[in-house]
Amino acid sequence: MTGTEPPPPEERQSPQSVLRPGSTMPLGQGPGDIASRRAAALDHVRKRLLEAGATDEEVDQAVADDVLDLLAVDRLLVPSTRRYTQVQVAQGTGLPLDLLRRLWRALGFLDVADDDAVFTDMDIQAVKLFQGMLSVGAAEVDTALQLSRVIGSSMARIAEAEVVPSSMAFGGADDDNVLAAEAFTSLADATVPAMAWLLEFVWRRHVQAATRRTMLLRTRGHVSADGLDLAVGFADMVGFTLLSQHLSQEELAAVVRRFEEISHDIVTGMGGRVVKMIGDEAMFVVESVVAAARIGLGLAEAYADDELLSDVRVGLAVGPVLVHDGDYYGPTVNLAHRIVNIANPGTVLISDEFHSRLMSEAGDEFIGQPLRPRVLKDLGRVQLWWCGRSGQEADGAGWAADQRRNVRWERLAEVLRDLDDLREAGERLLSGARRSAPEPRASGDGGAEPEASAPEGAAPEGAVPPGARSGRGVEQSGRGDPEGS
């Protein structure tokens, strides 16, 4: 593979060294060493900024203005001096100013005034590459701008995912911009070159896979005037909203990560492609209805066995879809999404067309149970089927999922009751300590007497005995449609 090579191992820094703020000086130093640590950090940052094209005057001014960390971000991530206005970029590249503005917005960047010198030589090069694509006919203007929007939104999401949970944006625990700048500099030195290479590698792999997939679909007759003929699926995690109300942000993030991990592993492992994750919902596409059924049942079974997550419900449909900017649209997509919204927890529901093709291609591997026809919004009256593996007992109503959900609610109720008991025990201890503490007797006849402490073993006034709230639990959700539709 051609392209930028990753940095040699000897030039990379260990995670331990890059994640520690002020890594040029060990942590845990006393107050007397703060000045020397800060000086060492400033020397390190200054050296890197000078290598990136900054001047000593810029560094000194940034230190004085308490923005050295921001200067490090600007210089190390975009190592090129801001020197051009938007008008100068248009004049220098020959790209019309209006089209330049549209390109800038499409990439996801804020508008800038015509006289603001915020553009660099890197921006000039990017505009020339855009012009090159137009000149050789690789893309029309509207297509190129739409591709720019996809690139901009995708890169923005990658950047947010990379920066927000890490120490890159926050530096050390000290509210000192020099130490924060040093922490960012160390981290950026290790991650930016590697990340740039990794992004190119992943992009090349996905372009290869997408091109091969499109060519094979055309060869096998899956491409028509109506679009690609694909199986579309949605998997929705049941009870996510209610569950999120009882979890901390860290716990909720762990649930979301686990949901995405299982979805990606099963879908991609069985030949499908995850189109997008929408909170507690995953959308996927695959060429074959057989593969789609295996994915749907695999998801339902995996989440049923997972102690951290609740069950999922899956909706599957097949038919022509419109592919646009890496997403999929059309009646087939709408049908699959409507189906998942009416499915019972732990079940896989499929459209009538999906069932016909599935029984034709793999009738010995799967079974279907017809459900009563339903009228779906904007789609009319449709026949749906419960889908299961051959030999599996039909469970369109989701009884097995109900039993698992009841067990999960009981466990959660037990945890909440234990928390109540612990809180009440703590309140009793604090109240007893306050009552037993003698109050100072005031001088004179009218002085207040100290309040008598409660007898040993007696519960303080207003305290609730342990277990008195044990009946308080989490209400279990009622059953849905017994037919699962």
Protein backbone atom coordinates (compact mmCIF):
# COMPACT_ATOMS: atom_id res chain seq x y z
CA MET A 1 0.00 0.00 0.00
CA THR A 2 1.27 3.45 -0.86
CA GLY A 3 0.88 6.54 1.23
CA THR A 4 2.32 8.02 4.35
CA GLU A 5 4.22 5.43 6.36
CA PRO A 6 3.67 5.16 10.12
CA PRO A 7 6.39 6.59 12.35
CA PRO A 8 9.14 4.10 13.26
CA PRO A 9 8.74 2.45 16.68
CA GLU A 10 11.83 4.13 18.05
CA GLU A 11 10.29 7.56 17.36
CA ARG A 12 7.08 6.83 19.20
CA GLN A 13 6.58 7.60 22.85
CA SER A 14 5.02 5.17 25.27
CA PRO A 15 1.42 5.82 26.38
CA GLN A 16 2.64 6.27 29.93
CA SER A 17 4.88 9.14 28.94
CA VAL A 18 2.42 10.90 26.66
CA LEU A 19 -0.59 10.72 28.92
CA ARG A 20 1.12 12.25 31.92
CA PRO A 21 0.98 16.03 32.11
CA GLY A 22 4.41 17.59 32.37
CA SER A 23 6.06 14.36 31.29
CA THR A 24 9.47 15.99 31.23
CA MET A 25 9.30 16.01 35.01
CA PRO A 26 7.95 13.19 37.19
CA LEU A 27 4.63 13.69 38.91
CA GLY A 28 4.22 13.91 42.66
CA GLN A 29 6.65 16.74 43.25
CA GLY A 30 6.22 19.12 46.12
CA PRO A 31 5.24 22.78 45.88
CA GLY A 32 8.88 23.81 45.85
CA ASP A 33 9.43 21.99 42.56
CA ILE A 34 6.48 23.53 40.70
CA ALA A 35 8.57 26.35 39.28
CA SER A 36 11.28 24.03 37.96
CA ARG A 37 8.69 21.66 36.53
CA ARG A 38 6.93 24.54 34.80
CA ALA A 39 10.21 25.85 33.41
CA ALA A 40 11.10 22.43 32.01
CA ALA A 41 7.65 22.15 30.46
CA LEU A 42 7.99 25.60 28.86
CA ASP A 43 11.39 24.69 27.38
CA HIS A 44 9.93 21.54 25.86
CA VAL A 45 6.90 23.33 24.38
CA ARG A 46 9.02 26.21 23.08
CA LYS A 47 11.35 23.81 21.29
CA ARG A 48 8.47 22.02 19.56
CA LEU A 49 6.70 25.25 18.61
CA LEU A 50 9.86 26.69 17.10
CA GLU A 51 10.26 23.50 15.07
CA ALA A 52 6.66 23.96 13.89
CA GLY A 53 7.39 27.48 12.63
CA ALA A 54 6.43 29.67 15.59
CA THR A 55 8.70 32.47 16.82
CA ASP A 56 10.03 33.20 20.29
CA GLU A 57 7.94 36.36 20.33
CA GLU A 58 4.76 34.38 19.66
CA VAL A 59 5.60 31.92 22.43
CA ASP A 60 6.39 34.70 24.93
CA GLN A 61 3.18 36.53 24.07
CA ALA A 62 1.15 33.33 24.44
CA VAL A 63 2.67 32.74 27.88
CA ALA A 64 1.88 36.30 28.90
CA ASP A 65 -1.71 35.98 27.63
CA ASP A 66 -2.11 32.57 29.31
CA VAL A 67 -2.91 30.87 25.98
CA LEU A 68 0.19 28.78 25.34
CA ASP A 69 -1.94 25.63 25.19
CA LEU A 70 -4.05 27.14 22.38
CA LEU A 71 -0.93 28.14 20.46
CA ALA A 72 0.35 24.57 20.77
CA VAL A 73 -2.94 23.24 19.40
CA ASP A 74 -2.89 25.62 16.43
CA ARG A 75 0.75 25.15 15.49
CA LEU A 76 1.14 21.41 16.01
CA LEU A 77 -2.10 20.35 14.35
CA VAL A 78 -1.96 22.84 11.48
CA PRO A 79 1.78 23.49 11.06
CA SER A 80 1.40 26.37 8.67
CA THR A 81 1.24 30.11 9.27
CA ARG A 82 -2.06 31.92 8.95
CA ARG A 83 -1.37 34.50 6.27
CA TYR A 84 -4.17 34.55 3.65
CA THR A 85 -7.64 36.00 3.61
CA GLN A 86 -10.54 34.26 1.88
CA VAL A 87 -10.30 36.72 -0.99
CA GLN A 88 -6.57 36.04 -1.40
CA VAL A 89 -7.19 32.27 -1.47
CA ALA A 90 -9.78 32.73 -4.22
CA GLN A 91 -7.44 34.97 -6.22
CA GLY A 92 -4.45 32.68 -5.74
CA THR A 93 -6.23 29.50 -6.75
CA GLY A 94 -8.66 30.83 -9.32
CA LEU A 95 -11.62 29.29 -7.50
CA PRO A 96 -14.63 31.63 -7.43
CA LEU A 97 -15.13 33.18 -4.01
CA ASP A 98 -18.72 31.93 -3.79
CA LEU A 99 -17.64 28.36 -4.53
CA LEU A 100 -14.81 28.67 -2.01
CA ARG A 101 -17.30 29.66 0.67
CA ARG A 102 -19.53 26.71 -0.22
CA LEU A 103 -16.58 24.35 -0.01
CA TRP A 104 -15.53 25.74 3.39
CA ARG A 105 -19.04 25.31 4.77
CA ALA A 106 -19.37 21.83 3.26
CA LEU A 107 -16.27 20.74 5.15
CA GLY A 108 -17.96 21.86 8.35
CA PHE A 109 -16.00 25.03 9.14
CA LEU A 110 -17.37 28.33 10.38
CA ASP A 111 -17.72 31.30 8.07
CA VAL A 112 -14.92 33.85 8.23
CA ALA A 113 -14.85 37.51 7.26
CA ASP A 114 -13.31 38.41 3.92
CA ASP A 115 -10.49 40.36 5.59
CA ASP A 116 -9.58 37.75 8.24
CA ALA A 117 -6.16 36.24 7.50
CA VAL A 118 -6.90 32.74 8.81
CA PHE A 119 -5.96 30.56 5.84
CA THR A 120 -2.65 28.77 5.43
CA ASP A 121 -0.62 27.07 2.72
CA MET A 122 -2.36 23.82 3.68
CA ASP A 123 -5.71 25.41 2.82
CA ILE A 124 -4.32 26.54 -0.53
CA GLN A 125 -3.22 22.98 -1.28
CA ALA A 126 -6.63 21.57 -0.31
CA VAL A 127 -8.42 24.01 -2.63
CA LYS A 128 -6.11 23.07 -5.50
CA LEU A 129 -6.87 19.38 -4.94
CA PHE A 130 -10.57 20.21 -5.06
CA GLN A 131 -10.03 22.05 -8.34
CA GLY A 132 -8.08 19.10 -9.70
CA MET A 133 -10.97 16.73 -9.08
CA LEU A 134 -13.28 19.08 -10.97
CA SER A 135 -10.91 19.63 -13.87
CA VAL A 136 -10.35 15.93 -14.66
CA GLY A 137 -14.07 15.21 -14.45
CA ALA A 138 -13.78 13.00 -11.38
CA ALA A 139 -16.79 14.79 -9.92
CA GLU A 140 -19.21 17.57 -10.74
CA VAL A 141 -19.44 20.60 -8.47
CA ASP A 142 -22.55 19.45 -6.62
CA THR A 143 -21.18 15.93 -6.23
CA ALA A 144 -17.83 17.21 -5.00
CA LEU A 145 -19.52 19.48 -2.47
CA GLN A 146 -21.71 16.64 -1.24
CA LEU A 147 -18.65 14.43 -0.84
CA SER A 148 -17.02 17.27 1.07
CA ARG A 149 -19.98 17.30 3.46
CA VAL A 150 -19.59 13.58 4.07
CA ILE A 151 -15.87 13.98 4.67
CA GLY A 152 -16.38 16.96 6.95
CA SER A 153 -19.07 15.35 9.11
CA SER A 154 -17.18 12.05 9.34
CA MET A 155 -13.92 13.72 10.30
CA ALA A 156 -15.69 15.93 12.84
CA ARG A 157 -17.11 12.86 14.52
CA ILE A 158 -13.72 11.13 14.56
CA ALA A 159 -12.12 14.23 16.06
CA GLU A 160 -14.77 14.49 18.79
CA ALA A 161 -14.43 10.79 19.61
CA GLU A 162 -10.64 11.11 19.80
CA VAL A 163 -10.42 14.31 21.84
CA VAL A 164 -13.34 14.46 24.26
CA PRO A 165 -12.68 11.33 26.37
CA SER A 166 -8.92 11.74 26.41
CA SER A 167 -6.46 14.00 28.15
CA MET A 168 -5.56 15.66 24.85
CA ALA A 169 -7.97 18.55 25.37
CA PHE A 170 -7.55 18.96 29.09
CA GLY A 171 -3.88 18.54 29.90
CA GLY A 172 -3.05 17.92 33.52
CA ALA A 173 -4.96 18.37 36.70
CA ASP A 174 -3.20 21.68 37.24
CA ASP A 175 -4.98 24.72 35.86
CA ASP A 176 -1.81 25.91 34.23
CA ASN A 177 -1.71 26.56 30.50
CA VAL A 178 2.03 25.81 30.29
CA LEU A 179 1.60 22.35 31.83
CA ALA A 180 -1.49 21.78 29.70
CA ALA A 181 0.46 22.79 26.59
CA GLU A 182 3.26 20.40 27.52
CA ALA A 183 0.81 17.54 28.08
CA PHE A 184 -0.86 18.19 24.71
CA THR A 185 2.49 18.49 22.94
CA SER A 186 3.68 15.12 24.24
CA LEU A 187 0.39 13.46 23.33
CA ALA A 188 0.22 15.06 19.88
CA ASP A 189 3.78 14.03 19.05
CA ALA A 190 2.82 10.41 19.60
CA THR A 191 -0.71 10.29 18.22
CA VAL A 192 -1.02 12.72 15.29
CA PRO A 193 1.39 10.97 12.85
CA ALA A 194 0.05 7.55 13.76
CA MET A 195 -3.58 8.67 13.49
CA ALA A 196 -3.00 10.26 10.07
CA TRP A 197 -1.53 7.00 8.77
CA LEU A 198 -4.32 4.94 10.35
CA LEU A 199 -7.04 7.11 8.76
CA GLU A 200 -5.49 6.67 5.32
CA PHE A 201 -5.18 2.91 5.84
CA VAL A 202 -8.81 2.53 6.94
CA TRP A 203 -10.02 4.75 4.10
CA ARG A 204 -8.17 2.67 1.49
CA ARG A 205 -9.56 -0.55 2.93
CA HIS A 206 -13.12 0.75 2.93
CA VAL A 207 -12.85 2.14 -0.61
CA GLN A 208 -11.59 -1.26 -1.74
CA ALA A 209 -14.46 -3.06 0.02
CA ALA A 210 -17.12 -0.63 -1.24
CA THR A 211 -15.88 -0.83 -4.85
CA ARG A 212 -15.73 -4.62 -4.81
CA ARG A 213 -19.18 -4.79 -3.20
CA THR A 214 -20.71 -2.54 -5.86
CA MET A 215 -19.09 -4.48 -8.71
CA LEU A 216 -20.28 -7.82 -7.32
CA LEU A 217 -23.83 -6.53 -6.81
CA ARG A 218 -23.93 -5.39 -10.43
CA THR A 219 -22.55 -8.74 -11.63
CA ARG A 220 -25.14 -10.68 -9.63
CA GLY A 221 -28.04 -8.60 -10.87
CA HIS A 222 -28.79 -6.76 -7.63
CA VAL A 223 -28.64 -3.37 -9.35
CA SER A 224 -31.75 -2.12 -11.15
CA ALA A 225 -33.33 1.15 -12.17
CA ASP A 226 -34.92 1.30 -8.71
CA GLY A 227 -31.54 1.04 -6.97
CA LEU A 228 -29.70 -1.71 -5.11
CA ASP A 229 -31.68 -4.74 -3.95
CA LEU A 230 -30.61 -5.28 -0.33
CA ALA A 231 -31.82 -6.64 2.97
CA VAL A 232 -32.15 -3.87 5.56
CA GLY A 233 -32.28 -4.41 9.30
CA PHE A 234 -32.78 -2.36 12.46
CA ALA A 235 -31.92 -3.54 15.98
CA ASP A 236 -33.38 -1.56 18.88
CA MET A 237 -32.36 -1.98 22.53
CA VAL A 238 -35.48 -2.24 24.69
CA GLY A 239 -35.87 -0.09 27.79
CA PHE A 240 -32.86 2.11 27.11
CA THR A 241 -34.62 5.34 28.14
CA LEU A 242 -35.75 3.91 31.47
CA LEU A 243 -32.37 2.30 32.07
CA SER A 244 -30.55 5.57 31.42
CA GLN A 245 -32.48 7.24 34.25
CA HIS A 246 -30.90 4.89 36.79
CA LEU A 247 -27.30 5.02 35.55
CA SER A 248 -24.47 7.49 35.94
CA GLN A 249 -22.85 8.97 32.84
CA GLU A 250 -19.94 6.53 33.10
CA GLU A 251 -22.28 3.55 33.43
CA LEU A 252 -24.46 4.78 30.57
CA ALA A 253 -21.38 5.21 28.38
CA ALA A 254 -20.36 1.62 29.20
CA VAL A 255 -23.81 0.39 28.13
CA VAL A 256 -23.63 2.29 24.84
CA ARG A 257 -20.11 1.01 24.13
CA ARG A 258 -21.20 -2.55 24.82
CA PHE A 259 -24.24 -2.17 22.57
CA GLU A 260 -22.12 -0.85 19.71
CA GLU A 261 -19.45 -3.50 20.24
CA ILE A 262 -21.89 -6.41 19.99
CA SER A 263 -23.70 -4.88 17.02
CA HIS A 264 -20.51 -4.28 15.04
CA ASP A 265 -19.01 -7.68 15.85
CA ILE A 266 -22.09 -9.67 14.82
CA VAL A 267 -23.09 -7.63 11.78
CA THR A 268 -19.63 -7.41 10.22
CA GLY A 269 -18.71 -10.95 11.27
CA MET A 270 -21.68 -12.31 9.29
CA GLY A 271 -21.06 -10.31 6.13
CA GLY A 272 -23.18 -7.23 6.78
CA ARG A 273 -22.34 -3.56 7.15
CA VAL A 274 -23.33 -1.29 10.00
CA VAL A 275 -24.71 1.83 8.33
CA LYS A 276 -25.07 3.89 11.48
CA MET A 277 -25.70 3.79 15.20
CA ILE A 278 -28.56 6.00 16.36
CA GLY A 279 -28.35 6.03 20.15
CA ASP A 280 -29.89 2.73 21.21
CA GLU A 281 -30.55 1.61 17.63
CA ALA A 282 -28.36 0.06 14.94
CA MET A 283 -29.05 0.00 11.20
CA PHE A 284 -27.36 -2.53 8.93
CA VAL A 285 -27.56 -3.78 5.35
CA VAL A 286 -26.51 -7.03 3.70
CA GLU A 287 -26.88 -8.54 0.27
CA SER A 288 -28.55 -11.84 1.25
CA VAL A 289 -31.78 -12.43 3.19
CA VAL A 290 -30.18 -15.54 4.66
CA ALA A 291 -27.28 -13.52 6.05
CA ALA A 292 -29.72 -10.87 7.30
CA ALA A 293 -31.78 -13.49 9.16
CA ARG A 294 -28.63 -14.94 10.73
CA ILE A 295 -27.55 -11.46 11.80
CA GLY A 296 -30.95 -10.62 13.26
CA LEU A 297 -31.19 -13.83 15.26
CA GLY A 298 -27.55 -13.55 16.28
CA LEU A 299 -28.19 -10.06 17.68
CA ALA A 300 -31.30 -11.18 19.58
CA GLU A 301 -29.46 -14.14 21.09
CA ALA A 302 -26.32 -12.17 21.97
CA TYR A 303 -28.20 -9.46 23.83
CA ALA A 304 -30.34 -12.06 25.60
CA ASP A 305 -27.17 -13.63 27.03
CA ASP A 306 -25.58 -10.32 28.02
CA GLU A 307 -25.99 -9.40 31.68
CA LEU A 308 -25.22 -5.71 31.13
CA LEU A 309 -27.72 -5.03 28.35
CA SER A 310 -31.45 -5.52 27.93
CA ASP A 311 -32.96 -7.46 25.03
CA VAL A 312 -33.18 -6.10 21.52
CA ARG A 313 -35.91 -6.34 18.95
CA VAL A 314 -35.05 -6.66 15.27
CA GLY A 315 -36.95 -5.70 12.13
CA LEU A 316 -35.93 -6.96 8.66
CA ALA A 317 -37.13 -6.09 5.14
CA VAL A 318 -35.77 -6.60 1.64
CA GLY A 319 -36.13 -4.67 -1.60
CA PRO A 320 -34.71 -1.78 -3.62
CA VAL A 321 -32.93 0.99 -1.73
CA LEU A 322 -31.41 4.32 -2.71
CA VAL A 323 -27.76 4.74 -1.74
CA HIS A 324 -26.76 8.33 -1.04
CA ASP A 325 -23.68 9.57 0.82
CA GLY A 326 -23.11 6.22 2.48
CA ASP A 327 -26.68 6.05 3.80
CA TYR A 328 -29.73 4.16 2.54
CA TYR A 329 -33.23 5.45 1.81
CA GLY A 330 -36.55 4.32 0.40
CA PRO A 331 -39.68 2.30 1.24
CA THR A 332 -37.66 -0.80 2.16
CA VAL A 333 -35.74 1.15 4.80
CA ASN A 334 -38.94 2.73 6.10
CA LEU A 335 -40.63 -0.67 6.34
CA ALA A 336 -37.75 -2.21 8.31
CA HIS A 337 -37.81 0.71 10.73
CA ARG A 338 -41.58 0.51 11.20
CA ILE A 339 -41.29 -3.23 11.86
CA VAL A 340 -38.71 -2.88 14.63
CA ASN A 341 -40.89 -0.33 16.41
CA ILE A 342 -43.75 -2.82 16.84
CA ALA A 343 -41.67 -5.94 17.58
CA ASN A 344 -41.66 -7.41 21.08
CA PRO A 345 -38.38 -7.62 23.04
CA GLY A 346 -36.12 -10.47 22.02
CA THR A 347 -37.95 -11.17 18.74
CA VAL A 348 -37.06 -10.85 15.06
CA LEU A 349 -39.89 -9.74 12.77
CA ILE A 350 -39.63 -9.85 8.97
CA SER A 351 -41.64 -8.51 6.07
CA ASP A 352 -43.75 -10.72 3.81
CA GLU A 353 -41.33 -10.41 0.89
CA PHE A 354 -38.40 -11.18 3.19
CA HIS A 355 -40.21 -14.31 4.45
CA SER A 356 -40.93 -15.54 0.91
CA ARG A 357 -37.31 -15.21 -0.17
CA LEU A 358 -35.99 -16.69 3.07
CA MET A 359 -38.16 -19.80 2.83
CA SER A 360 -37.17 -20.19 -0.81
CA GLU A 361 -33.43 -19.95 -0.11
CA ALA A 362 -33.09 -21.52 3.35
CA GLY A 363 -36.40 -23.07 4.38
CA ASP A 364 -34.62 -25.85 6.23
CA GLU A 365 -32.66 -23.40 8.42
CA PHE A 366 -35.40 -20.96 9.46
CA ILE A 367 -39.08 -21.00 10.39
CA GLY A 368 -41.70 -18.28 10.31
CA GLN A 369 -44.92 -17.68 12.19
CA PRO A 370 -47.50 -15.38 10.59
CA LEU A 371 -48.78 -12.49 12.68
CA ARG A 372 -52.01 -10.66 12.17
CA PRO A 373 -51.72 -7.99 9.46
CA ARG A 374 -50.96 -4.53 10.74
CA VAL A 375 -51.52 -1.06 9.33
CA LEU A 376 -48.22 0.82 9.44
CA LYS A 377 -47.94 4.58 9.15
CA ASP A 378 -47.41 5.76 5.56
CA LEU A 379 -47.09 2.12 4.39
CA GLY A 380 -50.62 0.74 4.68
CA ARG A 381 -51.65 -2.81 5.60
CA VAL A 382 -48.76 -5.28 5.72
CA GLN A 383 -48.29 -8.93 6.62
CA LEU A 384 -45.48 -9.61 9.07
CA TRP A 385 -43.79 -12.80 10.27
CA TRP A 386 -41.95 -13.90 13.38
CA CYS A 387 -38.60 -15.43 12.43
CA GLY A 388 -36.72 -18.17 14.27
CA ARG A 389 -34.32 -21.01 13.74
CA SER A 390 -35.54 -24.39 12.58
CA GLY A 391 -36.76 -26.40 15.57
CA GLN A 392 -37.16 -23.32 17.76
CA GLU A 393 -40.48 -22.85 19.54
CA ALA A 394 -42.39 -19.92 18.07
CA ASP A 395 -42.30 -16.93 20.41
CA GLY A 396 -43.75 -13.97 18.58
CA ALA A 397 -45.02 -12.54 21.86
CA GLY A 398 -41.54 -12.50 23.40
CA TRP A 399 -42.33 -14.55 26.52
CA ALA A 400 -38.69 -15.59 26.99
CA ALA A 401 -37.59 -11.95 26.83
CA ASP A 402 -40.24 -11.05 29.40
CA GLN A 403 -38.84 -13.59 31.82
CA ARG A 404 -35.31 -12.26 31.34
CA ARG A 405 -36.54 -8.69 31.75
CA ASN A 406 -38.33 -9.58 34.99
CA VAL A 407 -35.13 -11.07 36.38
CA ARG A 408 -33.20 -7.92 35.45
CA TRP A 409 -35.82 -5.69 37.11
CA GLU A 410 -35.72 -7.81 40.26
CA ARG A 411 -31.95 -7.44 40.41
CA LEU A 412 -32.21 -3.69 39.92
CA ALA A 413 -34.90 -3.47 42.61
CA GLU A 414 -32.64 -5.39 45.01
CA VAL A 415 -29.80 -2.97 44.34
CA LEU A 416 -32.06 0.03 44.96
CA ARG A 417 -33.34 -1.50 48.21
CA ASP A 418 -29.77 -2.13 49.36
CA LEU A 419 -28.91 1.47 48.59
CA ASP A 420 -31.92 2.61 50.63
CA ASP A 421 -30.83 0.49 53.60
CA LEU A 422 -27.28 1.84 53.42
CA ARG A 423 -28.52 5.43 53.22
CA GLU A 424 -30.86 4.97 56.16
CA ALA A 425 -28.15 3.30 58.25
CA GLY A 426 -25.87 6.24 57.55
CA GLU A 427 -28.60 8.70 58.53
CA ARG A 428 -29.13 6.87 61.83
CA LEU A 429 -25.43 6.92 62.63
CA LEU A 430 -25.18 10.64 61.93
CA SER A 431 -28.33 11.41 63.88
CA GLY A 432 -27.19 9.32 66.82
CA ALA A 433 -23.80 11.03 66.82
CA ARG A 434 -25.44 14.45 66.86
CA ARG A 435 -27.77 13.50 69.73
CA SER A 436 -25.00 11.97 71.88
CA ALA A 437 -22.70 14.98 71.51
CA PRO A 438 -23.06 17.20 74.69
CA GLU A 439 -24.04 20.78 74.06
CA PRO A 440 -22.31 23.51 76.12
CA ARG A 441 -24.37 24.57 79.18
CA ALA A 442 -25.16 28.25 79.13
CA SER A 443 -24.21 30.28 82.24
CA GLY A 444 -27.02 31.61 84.49
CA ASP A 445 -30.36 30.26 85.68
CA GLY A 446 -31.96 30.61 82.29
CA GLY A 447 -29.28 28.51 80.57
CA ALA A 448 -30.32 25.72 78.28
CA GLU A 449 -29.83 22.14 79.43
CA PRO A 450 -28.05 19.73 77.13
CA GLU A 451 -30.46 17.56 75.16
CA ALA A 452 -30.62 14.01 76.47
CA SER A 453 -29.17 11.43 74.09
CA ALA A 454 -31.35 8.65 72.80
CA PRO A 455 -31.21 5.34 74.67
CA GLU A 456 -28.76 2.84 73.28
CA GLY A 457 -30.26 0.81 70.53
CA ALA A 458 -33.22 3.14 70.03
CA ALA A 459 -33.85 4.44 66.55
CA PRO A 460 -33.65 8.20 66.18
CA GLU A 461 -36.88 10.10 65.71
CA GLY A 462 -38.09 9.97 62.13
CA ALA A 463 -35.72 7.12 61.14
CA VAL A 464 -37.13 4.31 59.02
CA PRO A 465 -36.19 0.76 60.05
CA PRO A 466 -34.17 -1.29 57.56
CA GLY A 467 -36.36 -3.03 55.03
CA ALA A 468 -39.30 -0.70 55.61
CA ARG A 469 -38.92 0.44 52.02
CA SER A 470 -38.18 -2.98 50.67
CA GLY A 471 -41.47 -2.97 48.84
CA ARG A 472 -40.30 -0.04 46.75
CA GLY A 473 -38.88 -1.34 43.52
CA VAL A 474 -38.85 -0.67 39.87
CA GLU A 475 -42.16 -1.09 38.15
CA GLN A 476 -42.09 -3.82 35.56
CA SER A 477 -43.34 -2.89 32.16
CA GLY A 478 -46.57 -4.41 31.02
CA ARG A 479 -46.82 -6.92 28.22
CA GLY A 480 -47.12 -5.79 24.68
CA ASP A 481 -49.19 -7.22 21.89
CA PRO A 482 -49.43 -11.00 22.59
CA GLU A 483 -48.86 -11.63 18.91
CA GLY A 484 -45.75 -9.44 18.87
CA SER A 485 -47.10 -7.11 16.28
